């Protein structure tokens, strides 16, 4: 169970979502910093491909945002970051609930033995 594709995928997703939350926080903190280029975390496509190949382990990558820049060279869009933060929080919550469900099933099975 612990070495299963689904558990590896959930672990990878939680790591990547945590990194995304930190990256969003950095972007928001630098919304007024001239020349700051926003970053984004990508992992969903790599995770889907890994799961399809029977391996749920992936590492998220941090890329520069391609959003247009303002006159000061900063390209942080506060609306986009805020929505992304809410979405990431919901995804993180869903992943933790999925893992909790797996452990609940394991505890139940251990008690039944």
PDB file of N, CA and C in Angstrom:
ATOM      1  N   UNK A   1       0.815  -1.196   0.000  1.00  0.00           N
ATOM      2  CA  UNK A   1       0.000   0.000   0.000  1.00  0.00           C
ATOM      3  C   UNK A   1       0.857   1.257   0.000  1.00  0.00           C
ATOM      4  N   UNK A   2       1.933   1.263   0.812  1.00  0.00           N
ATOM      5  CA  UNK A   2       2.738   2.477   0.905  1.00  0.00           C
ATOM      6  C   UNK A   2       3.561   2.702  -0.344  1.00  0.00           C
ATOM      7  N   UNK A   3       3.874   1.651  -1.086  1.00  0.00           N
ATOM      8  CA  UNK A   3       4.640   1.792  -2.306  1.00  0.00           C
ATOM      9  C   UNK A   3       3.764   1.804  -3.541  1.00  0.00           C
ATOM     10  N   UNK A   4       2.467   2.034  -3.364  1.00  0.00           N
ATOM     11  CA  UNK A   4       1.542   1.998  -4.494  1.00  0.00           C
ATOM     12  C   UNK A   4       1.657   3.262  -5.341  1.00  0.00           C
ATOM     13  N   UNK A   5       1.208   3.136  -6.553  1.00  0.00           N
ATOM     14  CA  UNK A   5       1.241   4.281  -7.469  1.00  0.00           C
ATOM     15  C   UNK A   5       0.378   5.415  -6.917  1.00  0.00           C
ATOM     16  N   UNK A   6      -0.767   5.079  -6.365  1.00  0.00           N
ATOM     17  CA  UNK A   6      -1.655   6.136  -5.873  1.00  0.00           C
ATOM     18  C   UNK A   6      -1.042   6.877  -4.682  1.00  0.00           C
ATOM     19  N   UNK A   7      -0.390   6.161  -3.780  1.00  0.00           N
ATOM     20  CA  UNK A   7       0.252   6.835  -2.644  1.00  0.00           C
ATOM     21  C   UNK A   7       1.441   7.668  -3.101  1.00  0.00           C
ATOM     22  N   UNK A   8       2.218   7.138  -4.045  1.00  0.00           N
ATOM     23  CA  UNK A   8       3.334   7.923  -4.590  1.00  0.00           C
ATOM     24  C   UNK A   8       2.818   9.176  -5.281  1.00  0.00           C
ATOM     25  N   UNK A   9       1.712   9.035  -6.016  1.00  0.00           N
ATOM     26  CA  UNK A   9       1.127  10.176  -6.725  1.00  0.00           C
ATOM     27  C   UNK A   9       0.607  11.223  -5.736  1.00  0.00           C
ATOM     28  N   UNK A  10      -0.051  10.763  -4.684  1.00  0.00           N
ATOM     29  CA  UNK A  10      -0.559  11.697  -3.681  1.00  0.00           C
ATOM     30  C   UNK A  10       0.586  12.411  -2.971  1.00  0.00           C
ATOM     31  N   UNK A  11       1.640  11.695  -2.656  1.00  0.00           N
ATOM     32  CA  UNK A  11       2.814  12.307  -2.021  1.00  0.00           C
ATOM     33  C   UNK A  11       3.447  13.345  -2.940  1.00  0.00           C
ATOM     34  N   UNK A  12       3.584  12.991  -4.208  1.00  0.00           N
ATOM     35  CA  UNK A  12       4.142  13.944  -5.187  1.00  0.00           C
ATOM     36  C   UNK A  12       3.251  15.166  -5.319  1.00  0.00           C
ATOM     37  N   UNK A  13       1.939  14.942  -5.351  1.00  0.00           N
ATOM     38  CA  UNK A  13       0.999  16.056  -5.479  1.00  0.00           C
ATOM     39  C   UNK A  13       1.070  16.977  -4.269  1.00  0.00           C
ATOM     40  N   UNK A  14       1.135  16.395  -3.066  1.00  0.00           N
ATOM     41  CA  UNK A  14       1.225  17.226  -1.863  1.00  0.00           C
ATOM     42  C   UNK A  14       2.508  18.045  -1.843  1.00  0.00           C
ATOM     43  N   UNK A  15       3.612  17.433  -2.229  1.00  0.00           N
ATOM     44  CA  UNK A  15       4.881  18.171  -2.291  1.00  0.00           C
ATOM     45  C   UNK A  15       4.784  19.321  -3.292  1.00  0.00           C
ATOM     46  N   UNK A  16       4.232  19.037  -4.461  1.00  0.00           N
ATOM     47  CA  UNK A  16       4.133  20.058  -5.507  1.00  0.00           C
ATOM     48  C   UNK A  16       3.164  21.167  -5.119  1.00  0.00           C
ATOM     49  N   UNK A  17       2.044  20.803  -4.513  1.00  0.00           N
ATOM     50  CA  UNK A  17       1.075  21.816  -4.092  1.00  0.00           C
ATOM     51  C   UNK A  17       1.635  22.693  -2.978  1.00  0.00           C
ATOM     52  N   UNK A  18       2.418  22.102  -2.093  1.00  0.00           N
ATOM     53  CA  UNK A  18       3.077  22.879  -1.051  1.00  0.00           C
ATOM     54  C   UNK A  18       4.062  23.876  -1.662  1.00  0.00           C
ATOM     55  N   UNK A  19       4.825  23.411  -2.634  1.00  0.00           N
ATOM     56  CA  UNK A  19       5.752  24.299  -3.343  1.00  0.00           C
ATOM     57  C   UNK A  19       4.990  25.404  -4.059  1.00  0.00           C
ATOM     58  N   UNK A  20       3.849  25.068  -4.653  1.00  0.00           N
ATOM     59  CA  UNK A  20       3.039  26.076  -5.347  1.00  0.00           C
ATOM     60  C   UNK A  20       2.538  27.123  -4.359  1.00  0.00           C
ATOM     61  N   UNK A  21       2.110  26.697  -3.180  1.00  0.00           N
ATOM     62  CA  UNK A  21       1.646  27.666  -2.180  1.00  0.00           C
ATOM     63  C   UNK A  21       2.766  28.621  -1.774  1.00  0.00           C
ATOM     64  N   UNK A  22       3.964  28.088  -1.576  1.00  0.00           N
ATOM     65  CA  UNK A  22       5.100  28.956  -1.219  1.00  0.00           C
ATOM     66  C   UNK A  22       5.437  29.904  -2.373  1.00  0.00           C
ATOM     67  N   UNK A  23       5.358  29.422  -3.591  1.00  0.00           N
ATOM     68  CA  UNK A  23       5.662  30.246  -4.764  1.00  0.00           C
ATOM     69  C   UNK A  23       4.638  31.361  -4.924  1.00  0.00           C
ATOM     70  N   UNK A  24       3.376  31.047  -4.715  1.00  0.00           N
ATOM     71  CA  UNK A  24       2.326  32.066  -4.786  1.00  0.00           C
ATOM     72  C   UNK A  24       2.566  33.125  -3.714  1.00  0.00           C
ATOM     73  N   UNK A  25       2.906  32.684  -2.518  1.00  0.00           N
ATOM     74  CA  UNK A  25       3.189  33.640  -1.434  1.00  0.00           C
ATOM     75  C   UNK A  25       4.354  34.553  -1.808  1.00  0.00           C
ATOM     76  N   UNK A  26       5.397  33.989  -2.409  1.00  0.00           N
ATOM     77  CA  UNK A  26       6.534  34.804  -2.859  1.00  0.00           C
ATOM     78  C   UNK A  26       6.093  35.813  -3.914  1.00  0.00           C
ATOM     79  N   UNK A  27       5.270  35.349  -4.853  1.00  0.00           N
ATOM     80  CA  UNK A  27       4.790  36.251  -5.909  1.00  0.00           C
ATOM     81  C   UNK A  27       3.989  37.405  -5.313  1.00  0.00           C
ATOM     82  N   UNK A  28       3.077  37.090  -4.399  1.00  0.00           N
ATOM     83  CA  UNK A  28       2.245  38.128  -3.785  1.00  0.00           C
ATOM     84  C   UNK A  28       3.106  39.088  -2.965  1.00  0.00           C
ATOM     85  N   UNK A  29       4.073  38.554  -2.253  1.00  0.00           N
ATOM     86  CA  UNK A  29       4.958  39.410  -1.455  1.00  0.00           C
ATOM     87  C   UNK A  29       5.757  40.381  -2.323  1.00  0.00           C
ATOM     88  N   UNK A  30       5.968  40.017  -3.581  1.00  0.00           N
ATOM     89  CA  UNK A  30       6.768  40.852  -4.485  1.00  0.00           C
ATOM     90  C   UNK A  30       5.926  41.578  -5.523  1.00  0.00           C
ATOM     91  N   UNK A  31       4.647  41.744  -5.260  1.00  0.00           N
ATOM     92  CA  UNK A  31       3.756  42.379  -6.233  1.00  0.00           C
ATOM     93  C   UNK A  31       4.189  43.809  -6.575  1.00  0.00           C
ATOM     94  N   UNK A  32       4.851  44.487  -5.664  1.00  0.00           N
ATOM     95  CA  UNK A  32       5.292  45.863  -5.906  1.00  0.00           C
ATOM     96  C   UNK A  32       6.801  45.975  -6.159  1.00  0.00           C
ATOM     97  N   UNK A  33       7.491  44.851  -6.299  1.00  0.00           N
ATOM     98  CA  UNK A  33       8.940  44.874  -6.496  1.00  0.00           C
ATOM     99  C   UNK A  33       9.255  45.094  -7.974  1.00  0.00           C
ATOM    100  N   UNK A  34       9.881  46.213  -8.310  1.00  0.00           N
ATOM    101  CA  UNK A  34      10.217  46.459  -9.717  1.00  0.00           C
ATOM    102  C   UNK A  34      11.140  45.366 -10.263  1.00  0.00           C
ATOM    103  N   UNK A  35      10.821  44.897 -11.463  1.00  0.00           N
ATOM    104  CA  UNK A  35      11.651  43.908 -12.131  1.00  0.00           C
ATOM    105  C   UNK A  35      11.413  42.471 -11.690  1.00  0.00           C
ATOM    106  N   UNK A  36      10.555  42.264 -10.701  1.00  0.00           N
ATOM    107  CA  UNK A  36      10.294  40.898 -10.239  1.00  0.00           C
ATOM    108  C   UNK A  36       9.464  40.152 -11.279  1.00  0.00           C
ATOM    109  N   UNK A  37       9.906  38.958 -11.608  1.00  0.00           N
ATOM    110  CA  UNK A  37       9.166  38.108 -12.537  1.00  0.00           C
ATOM    111  C   UNK A  37       8.493  36.999 -11.749  1.00  0.00           C
ATOM    112  N   UNK A  38       7.185  36.917 -11.879  1.00  0.00           N
ATOM    113  CA  UNK A  38       6.427  35.903 -11.160  1.00  0.00           C
ATOM    114  C   UNK A  38       6.863  34.511 -11.598  1.00  0.00           C
ATOM    115  N   UNK A  39       6.716  33.563 -10.674  1.00  0.00           N
ATOM    116  CA  UNK A  39       7.038  32.174 -10.976  1.00  0.00           C
ATOM    117  C   UNK A  39       5.775  31.345 -10.831  1.00  0.00           C
ATOM    118  N   UNK A  40       5.771  30.198 -11.471  1.00  0.00           N
ATOM    119  CA  UNK A  40       4.646  29.285 -11.344  1.00  0.00           C
ATOM    120  C   UNK A  40       5.179  27.864 -11.240  1.00  0.00           C
ATOM    121  N   UNK A  41       4.427  27.022 -10.577  1.00  0.00           N
ATOM    122  CA  UNK A  41       4.815  25.630 -10.372  1.00  0.00           C
ATOM    123  C   UNK A  41       3.956  24.760 -11.283  1.00  0.00           C
ATOM    124  N   UNK A  42       4.628  23.904 -12.037  1.00  0.00           N
ATOM    125  CA  UNK A  42       3.911  22.991 -12.934  1.00  0.00           C
ATOM    126  C   UNK A  42       4.285  21.550 -12.595  1.00  0.00           C
ATOM    127  N   UNK A  43       3.263  20.713 -12.551  1.00  0.00           N
ATOM    128  CA  UNK A  43       3.521  19.308 -12.276  1.00  0.00           C
ATOM    129  C   UNK A  43       2.398  18.393 -12.752  1.00  0.00           C
ATOM    130  N   UNK A  44       1.221  18.930 -13.033  1.00  0.00           N
ATOM    131  CA  UNK A  44       0.058  18.099 -13.315  1.00  0.00           C
ATOM    132  C   UNK A  44       0.250  17.183 -14.524  1.00  0.00           C
ATOM    133  N   UNK A  45       0.774  17.723 -15.616  1.00  0.00           N
ATOM    134  CA  UNK A  45       0.973  16.894 -16.813  1.00  0.00           C
ATOM    135  C   UNK A  45       2.008  15.797 -16.566  1.00  0.00           C
ATOM    136  N   UNK A  46       3.083  16.146 -15.872  1.00  0.00           N
ATOM    137  CA  UNK A  46       4.116  15.156 -15.568  1.00  0.00           C
ATOM    138  C   UNK A  46       3.572  14.080 -14.638  1.00  0.00           C
ATOM    139  N   UNK A  47       2.734  14.473 -13.690  1.00  0.00           N
ATOM    140  CA  UNK A  47       2.153  13.502 -12.767  1.00  0.00           C
ATOM    141  C   UNK A  47       1.194  12.568 -13.492  1.00  0.00           C
ATOM    142  N   UNK A  48       0.382  13.107 -14.360  1.00  0.00           N
ATOM    143  CA  UNK A  48      -0.546  12.266 -15.133  1.00  0.00           C
ATOM    144  C   UNK A  48       0.215  11.273 -16.002  1.00  0.00           C
ATOM    145  N   UNK A  49       1.291  11.725 -16.618  1.00  0.00           N
ATOM    146  CA  UNK A  49       2.098  10.833 -17.456  1.00  0.00           C
ATOM    147  C   UNK A  49       2.770   9.754 -16.609  1.00  0.00           C
ATOM    148  N   UNK A  50       3.264  10.131 -15.430  1.00  0.00           N
ATOM    149  CA  UNK A  50       3.927   9.165 -14.556  1.00  0.00           C
ATOM    150  C   UNK A  50       2.940   8.106 -14.078  1.00  0.00           C
ATOM    151  N   UNK A  51       1.745   8.533 -13.709  1.00  0.00           N
ATOM    152  CA  UNK A  51       0.725   7.571 -13.258  1.00  0.00           C
ATOM    153  C   UNK A  51       0.345   6.637 -14.405  1.00  0.00           C
ATOM    154  N   UNK A  52       0.228   7.179 -15.595  1.00  0.00           N
ATOM    155  CA  UNK A  52      -0.091   6.344 -16.759  1.00  0.00           C
ATOM    156  C   UNK A  52       0.999   5.318 -17.025  1.00  0.00           C
ATOM    157  N   UNK A  53       2.237   5.662 -16.681  1.00  0.00           N
ATOM    158  CA  UNK A  53       3.367   4.739 -16.869  1.00  0.00           C
ATOM    159  C   UNK A  53       3.558   3.799 -15.679  1.00  0.00           C
ATOM    160  N   UNK A  54       2.685   3.913 -14.669  1.00  0.00           N
ATOM    161  CA  UNK A  54       2.775   3.039 -13.512  1.00  0.00           C
ATOM    162  C   UNK A  54       3.703   3.530 -12.418  1.00  0.00           C
ATOM    163  N   UNK A  55       4.033   4.818 -12.455  1.00  0.00           N
ATOM    164  CA  UNK A  55       4.903   5.403 -11.434  1.00  0.00           C
ATOM    165  C   UNK A  55       4.309   6.746 -11.045  1.00  0.00           C
ATOM    166  N   UNK A  56       4.062   6.947  -9.774  1.00  0.00           N
ATOM    167  CA  UNK A  56       3.445   8.197  -9.340  1.00  0.00           C
ATOM    168  C   UNK A  56       4.414   9.238  -8.843  1.00  0.00           C
ATOM    169  N   UNK A  57       5.696   8.972  -8.941  1.00  0.00           N
ATOM    170  CA  UNK A  57       6.694   9.902  -8.403  1.00  0.00           C
ATOM    171  C   UNK A  57       7.136  10.909  -9.452  1.00  0.00           C
ATOM    172  N   UNK A  58       6.937  12.176  -9.152  1.00  0.00           N
ATOM    173  CA  UNK A  58       7.412  13.258 -10.016  1.00  0.00           C
ATOM    174  C   UNK A  58       7.920  14.388  -9.132  1.00  0.00           C
ATOM    175  N   UNK A  59       8.704  15.242  -9.719  1.00  0.00           N
ATOM    176  CA  UNK A  59       9.179  16.440  -9.036  1.00  0.00           C
ATOM    177  C   UNK A  59       8.627  17.650  -9.775  1.00  0.00           C
ATOM    178  N   UNK A  60       8.034  18.553  -9.031  1.00  0.00           N
ATOM    179  CA  UNK A  60       7.483  19.761  -9.631  1.00  0.00           C
ATOM    180  C   UNK A  60       8.604  20.659 -10.129  1.00  0.00           C
ATOM    181  N   UNK A  61       8.303  21.430 -11.153  1.00  0.00           N
ATOM    182  CA  UNK A  61       9.274  22.377 -11.671  1.00  0.00           C
ATOM    183  C   UNK A  61       8.731  23.803 -11.497  1.00  0.00           C
ATOM    184  N   UNK A  62       9.642  24.714 -11.274  1.00  0.00           N
ATOM    185  CA  UNK A  62       9.282  26.119 -11.138  1.00  0.00           C
ATOM    186  C   UNK A  62       9.723  26.818 -12.406  1.00  0.00           C
ATOM    187  N   UNK A  63       8.770  27.508 -13.030  1.00  0.00           N
ATOM    188  CA  UNK A  63       9.045  28.209 -14.286  1.00  0.00           C
ATOM    189  C   UNK A  63       8.675  29.678 -14.129  1.00  0.00           C
ATOM    190  N   UNK A  64       9.233  30.485 -14.985  1.00  0.00           N
ATOM    191  CA  UNK A  64       8.882  31.908 -15.000  1.00  0.00           C
ATOM    192  C   UNK A  64       7.521  32.075 -15.650  1.00  0.00           C
ATOM    193  N   UNK A  65       6.743  32.955 -15.083  1.00  0.00           N
ATOM    194  CA  UNK A  65       5.435  33.266 -15.646  1.00  0.00           C
ATOM    195  C   UNK A  65       5.620  34.063 -16.938  1.00  0.00           C
ATOM    196  N   UNK A  66       4.787  33.782 -17.896  1.00  0.00           N
ATOM    197  CA  UNK A  66       4.848  34.490 -19.175  1.00  0.00           C
ATOM    198  C   UNK A  66       3.811  35.609 -19.269  1.00  0.00           C
ATOM    199  N   UNK A  67       3.263  35.966 -18.108  1.00  0.00           N
ATOM    200  CA  UNK A  67       2.303  37.073 -18.071  1.00  0.00           C
ATOM    201  C   UNK A  67       2.983  38.358 -18.554  1.00  0.00           C
ATOM    202  N   UNK A  68       2.222  39.256 -19.150  1.00  0.00           N
ATOM    203  CA  UNK A  68       2.806  40.535 -19.586  1.00  0.00           C
ATOM    204  C   UNK A  68       3.332  41.331 -18.390  1.00  0.00           C
ATOM    205  N   UNK A  69       4.376  42.091 -18.639  1.00  0.00           N
ATOM    206  CA  UNK A  69       4.962  42.899 -17.570  1.00  0.00           C
ATOM    207  C   UNK A  69       4.393  44.316 -17.590  1.00  0.00           C
ATOM    208  N   UNK A  70       4.425  44.918 -16.407  1.00  0.00           N
ATOM    209  CA  UNK A  70       4.031  46.321 -16.296  1.00  0.00           C
ATOM    210  C   UNK A  70       5.234  47.183 -16.667  1.00  0.00           C
ATOM    211  N   UNK A  71       5.067  48.478 -16.592  1.00  0.00           N
ATOM    212  CA  UNK A  71       6.148  49.391 -16.942  1.00  0.00           C
ATOM    213  C   UNK A  71       7.370  49.223 -16.046  1.00  0.00           C
ATOM    214  N   UNK A  72       7.147  48.770 -14.808  1.00  0.00           N
ATOM    215  CA  UNK A  72       8.274  48.592 -13.880  1.00  0.00           C
ATOM    216  C   UNK A  72       8.953  47.228 -14.041  1.00  0.00           C
ATOM    217  N   UNK A  73       8.508  46.424 -15.010  1.00  0.00           N
ATOM    218  CA  UNK A  73       9.121  45.124 -15.258  1.00  0.00           C
ATOM    219  C   UNK A  73       8.546  43.999 -14.431  1.00  0.00           C
ATOM    220  N   UNK A  74       7.595  44.285 -13.557  1.00  0.00           N
ATOM    221  CA  UNK A  74       6.961  43.282 -12.708  1.00  0.00           C
ATOM    222  C   UNK A  74       5.770  42.687 -13.458  1.00  0.00           C
ATOM    223  N   UNK A  75       5.579  41.384 -13.342  1.00  0.00           N
ATOM    224  CA  UNK A  75       4.450  40.770 -14.037  1.00  0.00           C
ATOM    225  C   UNK A  75       3.517  39.986 -13.101  1.00  0.00           C
ATOM    226  N   UNK A  76       3.556  40.297 -11.807  1.00  0.00           N
ATOM    227  CA  UNK A  76       2.662  39.623 -10.859  1.00  0.00           C
ATOM    228  C   UNK A  76       1.257  40.181 -11.039  1.00  0.00           C
ATOM    229  N   UNK A  77       0.307  39.284 -11.268  1.00  0.00           N
ATOM    230  CA  UNK A  77      -1.099  39.652 -11.384  1.00  0.00           C
ATOM    231  C   UNK A  77      -1.773  39.178 -10.093  1.00  0.00           C
ATOM    232  N   UNK A  78      -2.150  40.109  -9.244  1.00  0.00           N
ATOM    233  CA  UNK A  78      -2.686  39.776  -7.927  1.00  0.00           C
ATOM    234  C   UNK A  78      -3.973  38.955  -8.033  1.00  0.00           C
ATOM    235  N   UNK A  79      -4.820  39.256  -8.994  1.00  0.00           N
ATOM    236  CA  UNK A  79      -6.052  38.478  -9.176  1.00  0.00           C
ATOM    237  C   UNK A  79      -5.744  37.024  -9.520  1.00  0.00           C
ATOM    238  N   UNK A  80      -4.817  36.821 -10.440  1.00  0.00           N
ATOM    239  CA  UNK A  80      -4.435  35.461 -10.838  1.00  0.00           C
ATOM    240  C   UNK A  80      -3.820  34.714  -9.667  1.00  0.00           C
ATOM    241  N   UNK A  81      -2.964  35.367  -8.920  1.00  0.00           N
ATOM    242  CA  UNK A  81      -2.305  34.730  -7.782  1.00  0.00           C
ATOM    243  C   UNK A  81      -3.320  34.353  -6.698  1.00  0.00           C
ATOM    244  N   UNK A  82      -4.277  35.240  -6.449  1.00  0.00           N
ATOM    245  CA  UNK A  82      -5.289  34.977  -5.427  1.00  0.00           C
ATOM    246  C   UNK A  82      -6.142  33.770  -5.812  1.00  0.00           C
ATOM    247  N   UNK A  83      -6.586  33.724  -7.061  1.00  0.00           N
ATOM    248  CA  UNK A  83      -7.376  32.581  -7.525  1.00  0.00           C
ATOM    249  C   UNK A  83      -6.563  31.293  -7.496  1.00  0.00           C
ATOM    250  N   UNK A  84      -5.322  31.380  -7.889  1.00  0.00           N
ATOM    251  CA  UNK A  84      -4.455  30.210  -7.862  1.00  0.00           C
ATOM    252  C   UNK A  84      -4.238  29.720  -6.441  1.00  0.00           C
ATOM    253  N   UNK A  85      -4.145  30.647  -5.499  1.00  0.00           N
ATOM    254  CA  UNK A  85      -3.966  30.275  -4.096  1.00  0.00           C
ATOM    255  C   UNK A  85      -5.190  29.524  -3.568  1.00  0.00           C
ATOM    256  N   UNK A  86      -6.377  29.996  -3.901  1.00  0.00           N
ATOM    257  CA  UNK A  86      -7.600  29.321  -3.475  1.00  0.00           C
ATOM    258  C   UNK A  86      -7.677  27.931  -4.108  1.00  0.00           C
ATOM    259  N   UNK A  87      -7.414  27.845  -5.403  1.00  0.00           N
ATOM    260  CA  UNK A  87      -7.439  26.562  -6.112  1.00  0.00           C
ATOM    261  C   UNK A  87      -6.432  25.580  -5.518  1.00  0.00           C
ATOM    262  N   UNK A  88      -5.234  26.068  -5.242  1.00  0.00           N
ATOM    263  CA  UNK A  88      -4.185  25.215  -4.675  1.00  0.00           C
ATOM    264  C   UNK A  88      -4.571  24.724  -3.293  1.00  0.00           C
ATOM    265  N   UNK A  89      -5.143  25.591  -2.489  1.00  0.00           N
ATOM    266  CA  UNK A  89      -5.596  25.189  -1.158  1.00  0.00           C
ATOM    267  C   UNK A  89      -6.653  24.104  -1.218  1.00  0.00           C
ATOM    268  N   UNK A  90      -7.592  24.232  -2.141  1.00  0.00           N
ATOM    269  CA  UNK A  90      -8.634  23.216  -2.296  1.00  0.00           C
ATOM    270  C   UNK A  90      -8.045  21.885  -2.771  1.00  0.00           C
ATOM    271  N   UNK A  91      -7.115  21.947  -3.701  1.00  0.00           N
ATOM    272  CA  UNK A  91      -6.474  20.724  -4.184  1.00  0.00           C
ATOM    273  C   UNK A  91      -5.665  20.046  -3.076  1.00  0.00           C
ATOM    274  N   UNK A  92      -4.982  20.843  -2.269  1.00  0.00           N
ATOM    275  CA  UNK A  92      -4.200  20.296  -1.161  1.00  0.00           C
ATOM    276  C   UNK A  92      -5.129  19.594  -0.165  1.00  0.00           C
ATOM    277  N   UNK A  93      -6.246  20.252   0.147  1.00  0.00           N
ATOM    278  CA  UNK A  93      -7.221  19.662   1.057  1.00  0.00           C
ATOM    279  C   UNK A  93      -7.765  18.342   0.507  1.00  0.00           C
ATOM    280  N   UNK A  94      -8.068  18.315  -0.770  1.00  0.00           N
ATOM    281  CA  UNK A  94      -8.567  17.088  -1.399  1.00  0.00           C
ATOM    282  C   UNK A  94      -7.535  15.969  -1.327  1.00  0.00           C
ATOM    283  N   UNK A  95      -6.287  16.293  -1.583  1.00  0.00           N
ATOM    284  CA  UNK A  95      -5.227  15.275  -1.546  1.00  0.00           C
ATOM    285  C   UNK A  95      -5.022  14.750  -0.127  1.00  0.00           C
ATOM    286  N   UNK A  96      -5.067  15.634   0.856  1.00  0.00           N
ATOM    287  CA  UNK A  96      -4.893  15.163   2.239  1.00  0.00           C
ATOM    288  C   UNK A  96      -6.066  14.297   2.671  1.00  0.00           C
ATOM    289  N   UNK A  97      -7.255  14.616   2.210  1.00  0.00           N
ATOM    290  CA  UNK A  97      -8.420  13.781   2.530  1.00  0.00           C
ATOM    291  C   UNK A  97      -8.313  12.410   1.860  1.00  0.00           C
ATOM    292  N   UNK A  98      -7.785  12.381   0.651  1.00  0.00           N
ATOM    293  CA  UNK A  98      -7.610  11.094  -0.030  1.00  0.00           C
ATOM    294  C   UNK A  98      -6.611  10.214   0.720  1.00  0.00           C
ATOM    295  N   UNK A  99      -5.525  10.809   1.165  1.00  0.00           N
ATOM    296  CA  UNK A  99      -4.536  10.036   1.928  1.00  0.00           C
ATOM    297  C   UNK A  99      -5.120   9.602   3.266  1.00  0.00           C
ATOM    298  N   UNK A 100      -5.869  10.480   3.914  1.00  0.00           N
ATOM    299  CA  UNK A 100      -6.510  10.121   5.171  1.00  0.00           C
ATOM    300  C   UNK A 100      -7.458   8.940   4.968  1.00  0.00           C
ATOM    301  N   UNK A 101      -8.174   8.919   3.852  1.00  0.00           N
ATOM    302  CA  UNK A 101      -9.064   7.799   3.548  1.00  0.00           C
ATOM    303  C   UNK A 101      -8.313   6.492   3.412  1.00  0.00           C
ATOM    304  N   UNK A 102      -7.145   6.546   2.792  1.00  0.00           N
ATOM    305  CA  UNK A 102      -6.320   5.339   2.651  1.00  0.00           C
ATOM    306  C   UNK A 102      -5.871   4.827   4.013  1.00  0.00           C
ATOM    307  N   UNK A 103      -5.428   5.739   4.880  1.00  0.00           N
ATOM    308  CA  UNK A 103      -4.976   5.328   6.204  1.00  0.00           C
ATOM    309  C   UNK A 103      -6.138   4.846   7.073  1.00  0.00           C
ATOM    310  N   UNK A 104      -7.303   5.446   6.902  1.00  0.00           N
ATOM    311  CA  UNK A 104      -8.485   4.969   7.631  1.00  0.00           C
ATOM    312  C   UNK A 104      -8.816   3.543   7.221  1.00  0.00           C
ATOM    313  N   UNK A 105      -8.749   3.271   5.934  1.00  0.00           N
ATOM    314  CA  UNK A 105      -9.008   1.906   5.447  1.00  0.00           C
ATOM    315  C   UNK A 105      -7.963   0.939   5.997  1.00  0.00           C
ATOM    316  N   UNK A 106      -6.724   1.360   6.061  1.00  0.00           N
ATOM    317  CA  UNK A 106      -5.662   0.508   6.606  1.00  0.00           C
ATOM    318  C   UNK A 106      -5.880   0.240   8.090  1.00  0.00           C
ATOM    319  N   UNK A 107      -6.238   1.275   8.849  1.00  0.00           N
ATOM    320  CA  UNK A 107      -6.514   1.083  10.280  1.00  0.00           C
ATOM    321  C   UNK A 107      -7.688   0.127  10.482  1.00  0.00           C
ATOM    322  N   UNK A 108      -8.726   0.277   9.673  1.00  0.00           N
ATOM    323  CA  UNK A 108      -9.891  -0.593   9.772  1.00  0.00           C
ATOM    324  C   UNK A 108      -9.510  -2.031   9.476  1.00  0.00           C
ATOM    325  N   UNK A 109      -8.705  -2.223   8.454  1.00  0.00           N
ATOM    326  CA  UNK A 109      -8.272  -3.577   8.101  1.00  0.00           C
ATOM    327  C   UNK A 109      -7.417  -4.176   9.197  1.00  0.00           C
ATOM    328  N   UNK A 110      -6.591  -3.388   9.834  1.00  0.00           N
ATOM    329  CA  UNK A 110      -5.732  -3.900  10.904  1.00  0.00           C
ATOM    330  C   UNK A 110      -6.557  -4.273  12.136  1.00  0.00           C
ATOM    331  N   UNK A 111      -7.603  -3.541  12.425  1.00  0.00           N
ATOM    332  CA  UNK A 111      -8.454  -3.847  13.564  1.00  0.00           C
ATOM    333  C   UNK A 111      -9.288  -5.105  13.319  1.00  0.00           C
ATOM    334  N   UNK A 112      -9.635  -5.348  12.066  1.00  0.00           N
ATOM    335  CA  UNK A 112     -10.471  -6.493  11.717  1.00  0.00           C
ATOM    336  C   UNK A 112      -9.712  -7.809  11.756  1.00  0.00           C
ATOM    337  N   UNK A 113      -8.406  -7.741  11.683  1.00  0.00           N
ATOM    338  CA  UNK A 113      -7.610  -8.979  11.631  1.00  0.00           C
ATOM    339  C   UNK A 113      -7.571  -9.704  12.929  1.00  0.00           C
TER     340      UNK A 113
END
